[in-house]
Amino acid sequence: MAESGGTFERLFDELKRRKVFRVAIGYLALAWLIAQISDLVLENFDAPGWVIKTILYLLAAGFPVVVFLAWVFEVTPDGVAVEREGE
C-alpha cells in the first residue's frame, strides 16, 4: 500500500510540474466566461436552443484535449516544445 501512495504522489508532482492543473483551471474559467457571454448574446438574438447546447458541447469536448496537450507540450521562451521524460 505504501508504494501506491508514492505513485499517486509522483503523478501529482508531475502534473504540477507540467502545469496541467493551471491549464485545466484556466480552461474552465475561460469556458465558463464563453458560456456566459454566449448565453447572454444568443438569448438577445433569439437564437435557437441548439446553438448554446452546441457551444457547451464543444467547450466540454475541448477540455480533455486541452489537458492532454498541456501534458504533452511545454511552453518555453523559445516556443512550444514536446515535453521529454526525465527533464
PDB file of N, CA and C in Angstrom:
ATOM      1  N   MET A   1       0.810  -1.197   0.000  1.00  0.00           N
ATOM      2  CA  MET A   1       0.000   0.000   0.000  1.00  0.00           C
ATOM      3  C   MET A   1       0.855   1.263   0.000  1.00  0.00           C
ATOM      4  N   ALA A   2       1.994   1.236   0.668  1.00  0.00           N
ATOM      5  CA  ALA A   2       2.848   2.414   0.729  1.00  0.00           C
ATOM      6  C   ALA A   2       3.357   2.782  -0.669  1.00  0.00           C
ATOM      7  N   GLU A   3       3.544   1.787  -1.529  1.00  0.00           N
ATOM      8  CA  GLU A   3       4.023   2.034  -2.885  1.00  0.00           C
ATOM      9  C   GLU A   3       2.991   2.809  -3.704  1.00  0.00           C
ATOM     10  N   SER A   4       1.699   2.463  -3.562  1.00  0.00           N
ATOM     11  CA  SER A   4       0.682   3.154  -4.346  1.00  0.00           C
ATOM     12  C   SER A   4       0.557   4.611  -3.918  1.00  0.00           C
ATOM     13  N   GLY A   5       0.747   4.913  -2.630  1.00  0.00           N
ATOM     14  CA  GLY A   5       0.738   6.303  -2.187  1.00  0.00           C
ATOM     15  C   GLY A   5       1.862   7.088  -2.825  1.00  0.00           C
ATOM     16  N   GLY A   6       3.016   6.478  -2.964  1.00  0.00           N
ATOM     17  CA  GLY A   6       4.140   7.125  -3.616  1.00  0.00           C
ATOM     18  C   GLY A   6       3.887   7.346  -5.086  1.00  0.00           C
ATOM     19  N   THR A   7       3.202   6.404  -5.726  1.00  0.00           N
ATOM     20  CA  THR A   7       2.887   6.532  -7.145  1.00  0.00           C
ATOM     21  C   THR A   7       1.958   7.710  -7.381  1.00  0.00           C
ATOM     22  N   PHE A   8       0.922   7.825  -6.564  1.00  0.00           N
ATOM     23  CA  PHE A   8      -0.001   8.946  -6.711  1.00  0.00           C
ATOM     24  C   PHE A   8       0.696  10.270  -6.410  1.00  0.00           C
ATOM     25  N   GLU A   9       1.593  10.257  -5.459  1.00  0.00           N
ATOM     26  CA  GLU A   9       2.329  11.469  -5.131  1.00  0.00           C
ATOM     27  C   GLU A   9       3.228  11.882  -6.294  1.00  0.00           C
ATOM     28  N   ARG A  10       3.883  10.908  -6.922  1.00  0.00           N
ATOM     29  CA  ARG A  10       4.726  11.217  -8.087  1.00  0.00           C
ATOM     30  C   ARG A  10       3.893  11.735  -9.246  1.00  0.00           C
ATOM     31  N   LEU A  11       2.715  11.126  -9.468  1.00  0.00           N
ATOM     32  CA  LEU A  11       1.825  11.584 -10.532  1.00  0.00           C
ATOM     33  C   LEU A  11       1.375  13.014 -10.269  1.00  0.00           C
ATOM     34  N   PHE A  12       0.976  13.303  -9.038  1.00  0.00           N
ATOM     35  CA  PHE A  12       0.547  14.646  -8.670  1.00  0.00           C
ATOM     36  C   PHE A  12       1.673  15.657  -8.873  1.00  0.00           C
ATOM     37  N   ASP A  13       2.879  15.289  -8.460  1.00  0.00           N
ATOM     38  CA  ASP A  13       4.035  16.176  -8.649  1.00  0.00           C
ATOM     39  C   ASP A  13       4.316  16.423 -10.133  1.00  0.00           C
ATOM     40  N   GLU A  14       4.185  15.378 -10.940  1.00  0.00           N
ATOM     41  CA  GLU A  14       4.422  15.517 -12.378  1.00  0.00           C
ATOM     42  C   GLU A  14       3.347  16.394 -13.028  1.00  0.00           C
ATOM     43  N   LEU A  15       2.099  16.250 -12.597  1.00  0.00           N
ATOM     44  CA  LEU A  15       1.024  17.097 -13.114  1.00  0.00           C
ATOM     45  C   LEU A  15       1.272  18.565 -12.753  1.00  0.00           C
ATOM     46  N   LYS A  16       1.751  18.802 -11.543  1.00  0.00           N
ATOM     47  CA  LYS A  16       2.075  20.174 -11.143  1.00  0.00           C
ATOM     48  C   LYS A  16       3.258  20.705 -11.943  1.00  0.00           C
ATOM     49  N   ARG A  17       4.274  19.881 -12.140  1.00  0.00           N
ATOM     50  CA  ARG A  17       5.465  20.324 -12.868  1.00  0.00           C
ATOM     51  C   ARG A  17       5.131  20.694 -14.316  1.00  0.00           C
ATOM     52  N   ARG A  18       4.260  19.927 -14.915  1.00  0.00           N
ATOM     53  CA  ARG A  18       3.882  20.195 -16.303  1.00  0.00           C
ATOM     54  C   ARG A  18       2.777  21.241 -16.416  1.00  0.00           C
ATOM     55  N   LYS A  19       2.347  21.776 -15.275  1.00  0.00           N
ATOM     56  CA  LYS A  19       1.336  22.839 -15.219  1.00  0.00           C
ATOM     57  C   LYS A  19      -0.016  22.412 -15.787  1.00  0.00           C
ATOM     58  N   VAL A  20      -0.354  21.135 -15.643  1.00  0.00           N
ATOM     59  CA  VAL A  20      -1.630  20.627 -16.138  1.00  0.00           C
ATOM     60  C   VAL A  20      -2.779  21.219 -15.328  1.00  0.00           C
ATOM     61  N   PHE A  21      -2.608  21.337 -14.013  1.00  0.00           N
ATOM     62  CA  PHE A  21      -3.669  21.900 -13.179  1.00  0.00           C
ATOM     63  C   PHE A  21      -3.938  23.355 -13.543  1.00  0.00           C
ATOM     64  N   ARG A  22      -2.878  24.107 -13.765  1.00  0.00           N
ATOM     65  CA  ARG A  22      -3.032  25.523 -14.114  1.00  0.00           C
ATOM     66  C   ARG A  22      -3.773  25.668 -15.438  1.00  0.00           C
ATOM     67  N   VAL A  23      -3.439  24.851 -16.412  1.00  0.00           N
ATOM     68  CA  VAL A  23      -4.098  24.904 -17.716  1.00  0.00           C
ATOM     69  C   VAL A  23      -5.564  24.491 -17.581  1.00  0.00           C
ATOM     70  N   ALA A  24      -5.841  23.446 -16.800  1.00  0.00           N
ATOM     71  CA  ALA A  24      -7.214  22.978 -16.625  1.00  0.00           C
ATOM     72  C   ALA A  24      -8.080  24.045 -15.960  1.00  0.00           C
ATOM     73  N   ILE A  25      -7.567  24.682 -14.919  1.00  0.00           N
ATOM     74  CA  ILE A  25      -8.338  25.725 -14.232  1.00  0.00           C
ATOM     75  C   ILE A  25      -8.534  26.927 -15.150  1.00  0.00           C
ATOM     76  N   GLY A  26      -7.511  27.292 -15.886  1.00  0.00           N
ATOM     77  CA  GLY A  26      -7.636  28.392 -16.839  1.00  0.00           C
ATOM     78  C   GLY A  26      -8.659  28.098 -17.926  1.00  0.00           C
ATOM     79  N   TYR A  27      -8.646  26.864 -18.432  1.00  0.00           N
ATOM     80  CA  TYR A  27      -9.612  26.480 -19.467  1.00  0.00           C
ATOM     81  C   TYR A  27     -11.032  26.526 -18.916  1.00  0.00           C
ATOM     82  N   LEU A  28     -11.228  25.997 -17.707  1.00  0.00           N
ATOM     83  CA  LEU A  28     -12.563  26.005 -17.116  1.00  0.00           C
ATOM     84  C   LEU A  28     -13.063  27.430 -16.901  1.00  0.00           C
ATOM     85  N   ALA A  29     -12.190  28.320 -16.451  1.00  0.00           N
ATOM     86  CA  ALA A  29     -12.592  29.718 -16.252  1.00  0.00           C
ATOM     87  C   ALA A  29     -12.951  30.378 -17.581  1.00  0.00           C
ATOM     88  N   LEU A  30     -12.138  30.160 -18.598  1.00  0.00           N
ATOM     89  CA  LEU A  30     -12.408  30.740 -19.909  1.00  0.00           C
ATOM     90  C   LEU A  30     -13.665  30.132 -20.533  1.00  0.00           C
ATOM     91  N   ALA A  31     -13.856  28.831 -20.386  1.00  0.00           N
ATOM     92  CA  ALA A  31     -15.052  28.179 -20.920  1.00  0.00           C
ATOM     93  C   ALA A  31     -16.306  28.705 -20.230  1.00  0.00           C
ATOM     94  N   TRP A  32     -16.222  28.912 -18.916  1.00  0.00           N
ATOM     95  CA  TRP A  32     -17.366  29.461 -18.192  1.00  0.00           C
ATOM     96  C   TRP A  32     -17.697  30.857 -18.718  1.00  0.00           C
ATOM     97  N   LEU A  33     -16.667  31.685 -18.927  1.00  0.00           N
ATOM     98  CA  LEU A  33     -16.877  33.029 -19.440  1.00  0.00           C
ATOM     99  C   LEU A  33     -17.502  32.991 -20.834  1.00  0.00           C
ATOM    100  N   ILE A  34     -17.000  32.134 -21.693  1.00  0.00           N
ATOM    101  CA  ILE A  34     -17.558  31.997 -23.048  1.00  0.00           C
ATOM    102  C   ILE A  34     -19.002  31.538 -22.985  1.00  0.00           C
ATOM    103  N   ALA A  35     -19.314  30.593 -22.107  1.00  0.00           N
ATOM    104  CA  ALA A  35     -20.682  30.099 -21.972  1.00  0.00           C
ATOM    105  C   ALA A  35     -21.614  31.211 -21.487  1.00  0.00           C
ATOM    106  N   GLN A  36     -21.155  32.004 -20.531  1.00  0.00           N
ATOM    107  CA  GLN A  36     -21.993  33.091 -20.012  1.00  0.00           C
ATOM    108  C   GLN A  36     -22.251  34.148 -21.082  1.00  0.00           C
ATOM    109  N   ILE A  37     -21.215  34.534 -21.786  1.00  0.00           N
ATOM    110  CA  ILE A  37     -21.377  35.548 -22.835  1.00  0.00           C
ATOM    111  C   ILE A  37     -22.241  35.007 -23.967  1.00  0.00           C
ATOM    112  N   SER A  38     -22.016  33.755 -24.360  1.00  0.00           N
ATOM    113  CA  SER A  38     -22.819  33.151 -25.426  1.00  0.00           C
ATOM    114  C   SER A  38     -24.287  33.094 -25.042  1.00  0.00           C
ATOM    115  N   ASP A  39     -24.559  32.705 -23.810  1.00  0.00           N
ATOM    116  CA  ASP A  39     -25.946  32.625 -23.348  1.00  0.00           C
ATOM    117  C   ASP A  39     -26.610  33.999 -23.404  1.00  0.00           C
ATOM    118  N   LEU A  40     -25.915  34.994 -22.927  1.00  0.00           N
ATOM    119  CA  LEU A  40     -26.460  36.346 -22.916  1.00  0.00           C
ATOM    120  C   LEU A  40     -26.696  36.870 -24.333  1.00  0.00           C
ATOM    121  N   VAL A  41     -25.707  36.715 -25.187  1.00  0.00           N
ATOM    122  CA  VAL A  41     -25.812  37.246 -26.552  1.00  0.00           C
ATOM    123  C   VAL A  41     -26.834  36.471 -27.359  1.00  0.00           C
ATOM    124  N   LEU A  42     -26.793  35.153 -27.298  1.00  0.00           N
ATOM    125  CA  LEU A  42     -27.709  34.352 -28.112  1.00  0.00           C
ATOM    126  C   LEU A  42     -29.150  34.507 -27.652  1.00  0.00           C
ATOM    127  N   GLU A  43     -29.344  34.722 -26.353  1.00  0.00           N
ATOM    128  CA  GLU A  43     -30.702  34.953 -25.850  1.00  0.00           C
ATOM    129  C   GLU A  43     -31.256  36.258 -26.412  1.00  0.00           C
ATOM    130  N   ASN A  44     -30.432  37.278 -26.500  1.00  0.00           N
ATOM    131  CA  ASN A  44     -30.878  38.567 -27.031  1.00  0.00           C
ATOM    132  C   ASN A  44     -31.147  38.520 -28.526  1.00  0.00           C
ATOM    133  N   PHE A  45     -30.499  37.622 -29.235  1.00  0.00           N
ATOM    134  CA  PHE A  45     -30.730  37.480 -30.672  1.00  0.00           C
ATOM    135  C   PHE A  45     -31.765  36.396 -30.989  1.00  0.00           C
ATOM    136  N   ASP A  46     -32.409  35.858 -29.968  1.00  0.00           N
ATOM    137  CA  ASP A  46     -33.435  34.811 -30.136  1.00  0.00           C
ATOM    138  C   ASP A  46     -32.921  33.624 -30.948  1.00  0.00           C
ATOM    139  N   ALA A  47     -31.709  33.208 -30.676  1.00  0.00           N
ATOM    140  CA  ALA A  47     -31.122  32.050 -31.356  1.00  0.00           C
ATOM    141  C   ALA A  47     -31.815  30.775 -30.856  1.00  0.00           C
ATOM    142  N   PRO A  48     -31.893  29.767 -31.702  1.00  0.00           N
ATOM    143  CA  PRO A  48     -32.492  28.502 -31.251  1.00  0.00           C
ATOM    144  C   PRO A  48     -31.668  27.869 -30.132  1.00  0.00           C
ATOM    145  N   GLY A  49     -32.327  27.047 -29.340  1.00  0.00           N
ATOM    146  CA  GLY A  49     -31.683  26.425 -28.188  1.00  0.00           C
ATOM    147  C   GLY A  49     -30.506  25.531 -28.537  1.00  0.00           C
ATOM    148  N   TRP A  50     -30.518  24.963 -29.722  1.00  0.00           N
ATOM    149  CA  TRP A  50     -29.435  24.037 -30.086  1.00  0.00           C
ATOM    150  C   TRP A  50     -28.098  24.750 -30.253  1.00  0.00           C
ATOM    151  N   VAL A  51     -28.120  26.054 -30.485  1.00  0.00           N
ATOM    152  CA  VAL A  51     -26.869  26.781 -30.683  1.00  0.00           C
ATOM    153  C   VAL A  51     -26.067  26.812 -29.379  1.00  0.00           C
ATOM    154  N   ILE A  52     -26.705  27.191 -28.275  1.00  0.00           N
ATOM    155  CA  ILE A  52     -25.991  27.240 -26.997  1.00  0.00           C
ATOM    156  C   ILE A  52     -25.590  25.832 -26.551  1.00  0.00           C
ATOM    157  N   LYS A  53     -26.440  24.849 -26.832  1.00  0.00           N
ATOM    158  CA  LYS A  53     -26.081  23.468 -26.490  1.00  0.00           C
ATOM    159  C   LYS A  53     -24.842  23.021 -27.259  1.00  0.00           C
ATOM    160  N   THR A  54     -24.769  23.398 -28.526  1.00  0.00           N
ATOM    161  CA  THR A  54     -23.608  23.041 -29.339  1.00  0.00           C
ATOM    162  C   THR A  54     -22.343  23.700 -28.797  1.00  0.00           C
ATOM    163  N   ILE A  55     -22.442  24.950 -28.410  1.00  0.00           N
ATOM    164  CA  ILE A  55     -21.290  25.644 -27.833  1.00  0.00           C
ATOM    165  C   ILE A  55     -20.845  24.954 -26.553  1.00  0.00           C
ATOM    166  N   LEU A  56     -21.786  24.594 -25.700  1.00  0.00           N
ATOM    167  CA  LEU A  56     -21.445  23.919 -24.441  1.00  0.00           C
ATOM    168  C   LEU A  56     -20.821  22.550 -24.692  1.00  0.00           C
ATOM    169  N   TYR A  57     -21.345  21.811 -25.674  1.00  0.00           N
ATOM    170  CA  TYR A  57     -20.761  20.504 -26.010  1.00  0.00           C
ATOM    171  C   TYR A  57     -19.332  20.659 -26.528  1.00  0.00           C
ATOM    172  N   LEU A  58     -19.113  21.671 -27.362  1.00  0.00           N
ATOM    173  CA  LEU A  58     -17.766  21.899 -27.892  1.00  0.00           C
ATOM    174  C   LEU A  58     -16.792  22.297 -26.777  1.00  0.00           C
ATOM    175  N   LEU A  59     -17.244  23.135 -25.861  1.00  0.00           N
ATOM    176  CA  LEU A  59     -16.396  23.513 -24.735  1.00  0.00           C
ATOM    177  C   LEU A  59     -16.079  22.299 -23.863  1.00  0.00           C
ATOM    178  N   ALA A  60     -17.073  21.453 -23.629  1.00  0.00           N
ATOM    179  CA  ALA A  60     -16.852  20.249 -22.817  1.00  0.00           C
ATOM    180  C   ALA A  60     -15.925  19.269 -23.532  1.00  0.00           C
ATOM    181  N   ALA A  61     -16.086  19.127 -24.845  1.00  0.00           N
ATOM    182  CA  ALA A  61     -15.238  18.211 -25.607  1.00  0.00           C
ATOM    183  C   ALA A  61     -13.803  18.735 -25.698  1.00  0.00           C
ATOM    184  N   GLY A  62     -13.634  20.030 -25.634  1.00  0.00           N
ATOM    185  CA  GLY A  62     -12.308  20.609 -25.720  1.00  0.00           C
ATOM    186  C   GLY A  62     -11.481  20.434 -24.458  1.00  0.00           C
ATOM    187  N   PHE A  63     -12.138  20.228 -23.318  1.00  0.00           N
ATOM    188  CA  PHE A  63     -11.415  20.122 -22.053  1.00  0.00           C
ATOM    189  C   PHE A  63     -10.395  18.993 -22.036  1.00  0.00           C
ATOM    190  N   PRO A  64     -10.782  17.741 -22.364  1.00  0.00           N
ATOM    191  CA  PRO A  64      -9.754  16.687 -22.337  1.00  0.00           C
ATOM    192  C   PRO A  64      -8.647  16.906 -23.364  1.00  0.00           C
ATOM    193  N   VAL A  65      -8.973  17.527 -24.476  1.00  0.00           N
ATOM    194  CA  VAL A  65      -7.962  17.805 -25.497  1.00  0.00           C
ATOM    195  C   VAL A  65      -6.932  18.793 -24.948  1.00  0.00           C
ATOM    196  N   VAL A  66      -7.408  19.844 -24.292  1.00  0.00           N
ATOM    197  CA  VAL A  66      -6.507  20.861 -23.739  1.00  0.00           C
ATOM    198  C   VAL A  66      -5.648  20.270 -22.632  1.00  0.00           C
ATOM    199  N   VAL A  67      -6.236  19.441 -21.783  1.00  0.00           N
ATOM    200  CA  VAL A  67      -5.469  18.817 -20.698  1.00  0.00           C
ATOM    201  C   VAL A  67      -4.402  17.887 -21.275  1.00  0.00           C
ATOM    202  N   PHE A  68      -4.749  17.133 -22.300  1.00  0.00           N
ATOM    203  CA  PHE A  68      -3.770  16.251 -22.951  1.00  0.00           C
ATOM    204  C   PHE A  68      -2.629  17.057 -23.559  1.00  0.00           C
ATOM    205  N   LEU A  69      -2.966  18.150 -24.243  1.00  0.00           N
ATOM    206  CA  LEU A  69      -1.935  18.981 -24.852  1.00  0.00           C
ATOM    207  C   LEU A  69      -1.044  19.627 -23.797  1.00  0.00           C
ATOM    208  N   ALA A  70      -1.632  19.974 -22.648  1.00  0.00           N
ATOM    209  CA  ALA A  70      -0.828  20.531 -21.559  1.00  0.00           C
ATOM    210  C   ALA A  70       0.143  19.497 -21.021  1.00  0.00           C
ATOM    211  N   TRP A  71      -0.250  18.235 -21.038  1.00  0.00           N
ATOM    212  CA  TRP A  71       0.630  17.162 -20.568  1.00  0.00           C
ATOM    213  C   TRP A  71       1.775  16.931 -21.550  1.00  0.00           C
ATOM    214  N   VAL A  72       1.474  16.968 -22.849  1.00  0.00           N
ATOM    215  CA  VAL A  72       2.448  16.594 -23.873  1.00  0.00           C
ATOM    216  C   VAL A  72       3.412  17.734 -24.216  1.00  0.00           C
ATOM    217  N   PHE A  73       2.897  18.962 -24.279  1.00  0.00           N
ATOM    218  CA  PHE A  73       3.714  20.074 -24.734  1.00  0.00           C
ATOM    219  C   PHE A  73       4.070  21.004 -23.584  1.00  0.00           C
ATOM    220  N   GLU A  74       5.185  21.705 -23.766  1.00  0.00           N
ATOM    221  CA  GLU A  74       5.666  22.652 -22.774  1.00  0.00           C
ATOM    222  C   GLU A  74       5.906  23.982 -23.477  1.00  0.00           C
ATOM    223  N   VAL A  75       5.398  25.063 -22.890  1.00  0.00           N
ATOM    224  CA  VAL A  75       5.622  26.383 -23.456  1.00  0.00           C
ATOM    225  C   VAL A  75       6.899  26.943 -22.842  1.00  0.00           C
ATOM    226  N   THR A  76       7.848  27.260 -23.705  1.00  0.00           N
ATOM    227  CA  THR A  76       9.142  27.784 -23.276  1.00  0.00           C
ATOM    228  C   THR A  76       9.347  29.167 -23.897  1.00  0.00           C
ATOM    229  N   PRO A  77      10.347  29.903 -23.449  1.00  0.00           N
ATOM    230  CA  PRO A  77      10.637  31.192 -24.101  1.00  0.00           C
ATOM    231  C   PRO A  77      10.983  31.037 -25.579  1.00  0.00           C
ATOM    232  N   ASP A  78      11.468  29.855 -25.973  1.00  0.00           N
ATOM    233  CA  ASP A  78      11.808  29.606 -27.377  1.00  0.00           C
ATOM    234  C   ASP A  78      10.624  29.122 -28.192  1.00  0.00           C
ATOM    235  N   GLY A  79       9.461  28.949 -27.566  1.00  0.00           N
ATOM    236  CA  GLY A  79       8.275  28.469 -28.257  1.00  0.00           C
ATOM    237  C   GLY A  79       7.745  27.206 -27.599  1.00  0.00           C
ATOM    238  N   VAL A  80       6.895  26.510 -28.310  1.00  0.00           N
ATOM    239  CA  VAL A  80       6.289  25.280 -27.800  1.00  0.00           C
ATOM    240  C   VAL A  80       7.215  24.115 -28.112  1.00  0.00           C
ATOM    241  N   ALA A  81       7.461  23.291 -27.087  1.00  0.00           N
ATOM    242  CA  ALA A  81       8.350  22.138 -27.254  1.00  0.00           C
ATOM    243  C   ALA A  81       7.659  20.902 -26.700  1.00  0.00           C
ATOM    244  N   VAL A  82       8.019  19.746 -27.232  1.00  0.00           N
ATOM    245  CA  VAL A  82       7.499  18.485 -26.726  1.00  0.00           C
ATOM    246  C   VAL A  82       8.163  18.194 -25.390  1.00  0.00           C
ATOM    247  N   GLU A  83       7.355  17.843 -24.404  1.00  0.00           N
ATOM    248  CA  GLU A  83       7.867  17.508 -23.071  1.00  0.00           C
ATOM    249  C   GLU A  83       8.634  16.203 -23.158  1.00  0.00           C
ATOM    250  N   ARG A  84       9.814  16.169 -22.584  1.00  0.00           N
ATOM    251  CA  ARG A  84      10.646  14.964 -22.600  1.00  0.00           C
ATOM    252  C   ARG A  84      10.660  14.347 -21.201  1.00  0.00           C
ATOM    253  N   GLU A  85      10.631  13.032 -21.174  1.00  0.00           N
ATOM    254  CA  GLU A  85      10.675  12.312 -19.889  1.00  0.00           C
ATOM    255  C   GLU A  85      11.997  12.560 -19.197  1.00  0.00           C
ATOM    256  N   GLY A  86      11.948  12.713 -17.883  1.00  0.00           N
ATOM    257  CA  GLY A  86      13.148  12.825 -17.090  1.00  0.00           C
ATOM    258  C   GLY A  86      13.777  14.193 -17.059  1.00  0.00           C
ATOM    259  N   GLU A  87      13.152  15.192 -17.651  1.00  0.00           N
ATOM    260  CA  GLU A  87      13.731  16.557 -17.619  1.00  0.00           C
ATOM    261  C   GLU A  87      13.133  17.334 -16.499  1.00  0.00           C
TER     262      GLU A  87
END
